[in-house]
Each structure stands twice: as structure tokens, then as C-alpha cells.
Amino acid sequence: MIAISNTYGYIRVSTRDQNEDRQLIAMRELSIPEKNIFLDKQSGKDFERPQYKKLVKKLKPDDLLYIKSIDRLGRNYGEILEQWRILTKEKGIDIVVLDMPLLDTRRGKDLMGTFLSDIVLQVLSFVAENERTNIRQRQAEGIAAAKARGVRFGRPPRPLPENYHSAYQRWKAGAITGTAAAKECGMPLPTFRYRAEIYEKAKLL
């Protein structure tokens, strides 16, 4: 009995807020059955990708897999190359990278075609990883520059309660304990002491 080859699509977005519509539209335009489109939408930190693992288990020799771009396969250069090897060599499937027509394993099955495809893959994998590294570096430099300008990150502190000044003054004068002052202001003692430090610095400016 002759095995029937199937066509699949794989989509990955790196965070739950990132929109997958661009990749999904591209897959639907190829008439890939909805049940054969696998989507992972999660943080790239753990990179578990449950849907990708389910997809790989379903793949059979001569099946065809579409991905939008090469970096959907992995977080870095080595991982992309490893997944490409598993899919094409171990699973025996064809891959088409929509953003890079040269990466279509259905073409050039001879030695020269395979050689050229491998070179293009390695170059693109390196470029994808290098761009991610550059983005992280630019983000870090931007944050450092903003902090140097006095920009504060995170949620702004809650406004002090109206009775804070009175409680602070009596605490500084030794009339009440820090615990009692914090309780009057409706805040934990560590928070009261932390806000007292800020309060004192603000008075010196």
C-alpha cells in the first residue's frame, strides 16, 4: 500500500501577545488543512513547543512542511541546523521556507542542489541568530541610557497616605515605634522604612 504524503504548516510566535495572523494567512493561502497547521504561542525562554513536538511525531517520509521563516525552527544557529537535520534526514520530509524561496528541499535533489541549500541554510541561520543578539544588545543599551537619564522602570510608587508626614515625624522623634508608624499608614514596616529613606532624600533636595 502506497503511503499518502501530507502537507503541514508550523507557526511559532515568541510571546502570548505577539500576533500570529501574518503566518496563519500565509499557511491558509497554500490551502493547508486547518488540522495540519500547528501553532505554538509561548515565551521563547523554555522553548518547549508542545505543538511542534506533536507535529514532528506525525511527520512521515515525503510529507511537506511549510514555515514562514527559518528562525521558526529554533532559538539559535545550532538549534535551527539540528532541527533541519532531524526533519530532512531522520524524518525524510521536504521543507519550504516561505520567506526564502531558495530553501525549498523539493528542488535540487542532486548533490549540487543539496550543497547550495545547506550553504544558504547555514548563512540564514547565522543571520537570524545574529539579529536576535543585536536586538537584545540594543535593548540593553537603550535601558542603560534611559537609566542614566534618570528614567525609572517598573510601576510608579503609590502616593503616600495623608497621615504619613505626621507618623514619620513622631517616629523620627522617638514618640512611636516604626511598627506603630507603619500600622498607622497602612503599610508593612519594610515599606514604611523604604519610603522614609525616599522621603528624607526628597526633603534634602
Protein backbone atom coordinates (compact mmCIF):
# COMPACT_ATOMS: atom_id res chain seq x y z
CA MET A 1 0.00 0.00 0.00
CA ILE A 2 1.40 3.41 -1.04
CA ALA A 3 1.66 5.95 1.78
CA ILE A 4 -0.07 9.26 1.07
CA SER A 5 2.08 12.31 1.74
CA ASN A 6 0.56 15.20 3.70
CA THR A 7 1.19 18.93 3.79
CA TYR A 8 1.71 20.70 7.10
CA GLY A 9 2.35 24.20 8.36
CA TYR A 10 4.13 25.26 11.54
CA ILE A 11 3.71 28.65 13.21
CA ARG A 12 5.55 29.97 16.23
CA VAL A 13 5.25 33.33 17.94
CA SER A 14 7.61 34.14 20.78
CA THR A 15 5.15 35.62 23.29
CA ARG A 16 1.47 35.34 24.05
CA ASP A 17 0.99 38.95 22.97
CA GLN A 18 2.57 38.57 19.55
CA ASN A 19 0.09 38.17 16.71
CA GLU A 20 0.28 35.04 14.58
CA ASP A 21 -2.10 36.30 11.84
CA ARG A 22 0.66 37.01 9.29
CA GLN A 23 1.92 33.45 9.44
CA LEU A 24 -1.59 31.97 9.58
CA ILE A 25 -2.73 33.84 6.47
CA ALA A 26 0.32 32.61 4.57
CA MET A 27 -0.50 28.98 5.51
CA ARG A 28 -4.15 29.28 4.52
CA GLU A 29 -3.21 30.72 1.14
CA LEU A 30 -1.36 27.44 0.50
CA SER A 31 -4.59 25.51 1.17
CA ILE A 32 -3.05 23.61 4.07
CA PRO A 33 -5.84 21.83 6.02
CA GLU A 34 -6.57 23.56 9.33
CA LYS A 35 -5.94 20.30 11.21
CA ASN A 36 -2.43 20.22 9.73
CA ILE A 37 -1.46 23.71 10.93
CA PHE A 38 0.36 23.61 14.27
CA LEU A 39 0.79 26.73 16.39
CA ASP A 40 2.99 27.39 19.41
CA LYS A 41 2.34 30.67 21.19
CA GLN A 42 4.54 30.97 24.23
CA SER A 43 7.68 32.53 25.63
CA GLY A 44 10.93 31.54 23.99
CA LYS A 45 12.64 31.09 27.39
CA ASP A 46 11.82 27.41 27.85
CA PHE A 47 11.20 26.65 24.17
CA GLU A 48 9.23 23.50 24.99
CA ARG A 49 6.97 23.96 21.92
CA PRO A 50 4.38 21.21 22.57
CA GLN A 51 2.68 21.66 19.18
CA TYR A 52 5.99 21.38 17.33
CA LYS A 53 6.73 18.12 19.15
CA LYS A 54 3.28 16.80 18.24
CA LEU A 55 3.87 17.80 14.60
CA VAL A 56 7.24 16.05 14.40
CA LYS A 57 5.67 12.81 15.67
CA LYS A 58 3.05 12.95 12.90
CA LEU A 59 5.51 13.60 10.05
CA LYS A 60 6.20 10.74 7.63
CA PRO A 61 8.73 10.43 4.78
CA ASP A 62 7.82 12.61 1.78
CA ASP A 63 5.47 14.83 3.80
CA LEU A 64 5.84 18.56 3.13
CA LEU A 65 6.28 21.20 5.84
CA TYR A 66 5.87 24.95 5.32
CA ILE A 67 7.33 27.52 7.71
CA LYS A 68 7.25 31.30 7.26
CA SER A 69 10.87 31.97 8.20
CA ILE A 70 13.91 29.94 9.20
CA ASP A 71 14.00 31.19 12.80
CA ARG A 72 10.67 29.43 13.50
CA LEU A 73 12.71 26.22 13.85
CA GLY A 74 14.94 27.30 16.73
CA ARG A 75 16.28 29.97 19.04
CA ASN A 76 19.83 29.92 17.75
CA TYR A 77 22.13 28.87 14.92
CA GLY A 78 22.88 25.40 16.30
CA GLU A 79 19.27 24.58 17.14
CA ILE A 80 17.99 25.61 13.71
CA LEU A 81 20.56 23.43 11.95
CA GLU A 82 19.80 20.49 14.27
CA GLN A 83 16.04 20.69 13.66
CA TRP A 84 16.61 20.98 9.91
CA ARG A 85 18.76 17.83 10.03
CA ILE A 86 16.16 15.90 12.05
CA LEU A 87 13.34 16.89 9.70
CA THR A 88 15.09 16.36 6.38
CA LYS A 89 17.45 13.47 7.20
CA GLU A 90 15.78 11.49 10.00
CA LYS A 91 12.12 12.15 9.17
CA GLY A 92 12.75 12.33 5.41
CA ILE A 93 10.37 15.22 4.75
CA ASP A 94 10.59 18.26 2.49
CA ILE A 95 10.66 21.80 3.91
CA VAL A 96 9.71 25.06 2.25
CA VAL A 97 10.70 28.36 3.90
CA LEU A 98 8.26 30.93 2.54
CA ASP A 99 10.44 33.98 3.21
CA MET A 100 13.38 32.38 1.40
CA PRO A 101 12.44 30.53 -1.83
CA LEU A 102 15.99 29.13 -2.12
CA LEU A 103 15.23 26.98 0.92
CA ASP A 104 12.87 24.54 -0.77
CA THR A 105 14.14 20.97 -0.46
CA ARG A 106 11.83 19.78 -3.27
CA ARG A 107 14.22 21.46 -5.70
CA GLY A 108 17.74 20.41 -6.46
CA LYS A 109 17.76 16.92 -5.02
CA ASP A 110 21.13 16.28 -6.67
CA LEU A 111 24.43 16.77 -4.84
CA MET A 112 24.93 20.37 -6.04
CA GLY A 113 21.37 21.36 -5.11
CA THR A 114 21.75 19.87 -1.63
CA PHE A 115 25.13 21.58 -1.20
CA LEU A 116 23.74 25.01 -2.16
CA SER A 117 20.71 24.53 0.08
CA ASP A 118 22.96 23.66 3.04
CA ILE A 119 25.10 26.78 2.48
CA VAL A 120 22.05 29.04 2.28
CA LEU A 121 20.62 27.43 5.42
CA GLN A 122 23.79 27.97 7.42
CA VAL A 123 24.11 31.61 6.33
CA LEU A 124 20.47 32.38 7.12
CA SER A 125 20.62 30.60 10.49
CA PHE A 126 23.67 32.66 11.43
CA VAL A 127 21.99 35.89 10.30
CA ALA A 128 18.81 35.07 12.28
CA GLU A 129 20.77 34.42 15.47
CA ASN A 130 23.00 37.46 14.95
CA GLU A 131 19.97 39.72 14.52
CA ARG A 132 18.41 38.45 17.77
CA THR A 133 21.71 39.09 19.56
CA ASN A 134 21.85 42.62 18.14
CA ILE A 135 18.25 43.30 19.21
CA ARG A 136 19.00 42.19 22.80
CA GLN A 137 22.14 44.35 22.85
CA ARG A 138 20.26 47.41 21.54
CA GLN A 139 17.54 46.87 24.17
CA ALA A 140 20.14 46.61 26.96
CA GLU A 141 21.94 49.74 25.72
CA GLY A 142 18.62 51.61 25.49
CA ILE A 143 17.67 50.67 29.05
CA ALA A 144 21.12 51.66 30.36
CA ALA A 145 20.93 55.02 28.57
CA ALA A 146 17.43 55.66 29.92
CA LYS A 147 18.53 54.85 33.48
CA ALA A 148 21.48 57.23 33.07
CA ARG A 149 18.97 59.96 32.17
CA GLY A 150 17.03 59.21 35.34
CA VAL A 151 14.20 57.23 33.72
CA ARG A 152 12.71 54.80 36.24
CA PHE A 153 11.35 51.44 35.16
CA GLY A 154 8.57 49.43 36.75
CA ARG A 155 5.36 50.59 38.35
CA PRO A 156 5.39 54.07 39.90
CA PRO A 157 5.25 54.08 43.74
CA ARG A 158 1.84 54.55 45.32
CA PRO A 159 1.23 58.05 46.75
CA LEU A 160 1.97 58.45 50.44
CA PRO A 161 -1.07 58.43 52.75
CA GLU A 162 -2.16 61.81 54.11
CA ASN A 163 -1.03 60.98 57.64
CA TYR A 164 2.45 59.82 56.55
CA HIS A 165 4.18 63.12 57.44
CA SER A 166 2.72 63.11 60.94
CA ALA A 167 3.58 59.45 61.58
CA TYR A 168 7.07 59.94 60.15
CA GLN A 169 7.77 62.97 62.36
CA ARG A 170 6.63 61.18 65.56
CA TRP A 171 8.66 58.10 64.59
CA LYS A 172 11.80 60.20 63.97
CA ALA A 173 11.24 61.96 67.31
CA GLY A 174 11.03 58.59 69.07
CA ALA A 175 7.44 59.11 70.14
CA ILE A 176 6.24 55.92 68.45
CA THR A 177 7.90 52.79 67.09
CA GLY A 178 8.42 52.10 63.41
CA THR A 179 5.91 49.26 63.65
CA ALA A 180 3.27 51.59 65.07
CA ALA A 181 4.01 54.27 62.46
CA ALA A 182 3.78 51.72 59.64
CA LYS A 183 0.47 50.43 61.02
CA GLU A 184 -0.94 53.97 61.16
CA CYS A 185 0.00 54.42 57.48
CA GLY A 186 -1.44 51.06 56.48
CA MET A 187 1.81 49.66 55.11
CA PRO A 188 4.31 46.92 56.05
CA LEU A 189 7.27 48.05 58.17
CA PRO A 190 9.89 47.44 55.39
CA THR A 191 7.80 49.57 53.03
CA PHE A 192 7.47 52.32 55.65
CA ARG A 193 11.25 52.38 56.19
CA TYR A 194 11.93 52.33 52.43
CA ARG A 195 9.54 55.22 51.82
CA ALA A 196 11.11 57.06 54.77
CA GLU A 197 14.50 56.93 53.03
CA ILE A 198 13.00 58.38 49.86
CA TYR A 199 11.09 60.96 51.93
CA GLU A 200 14.29 62.09 53.68
CA LYS A 201 16.20 62.40 50.39
CA ALA A 202 13.36 64.42 48.87
CA LYS A 203 13.49 66.86 51.81
CA LEU A 204 17.22 67.40 51.26
CA LEU A 205 16.78 68.36 47.58
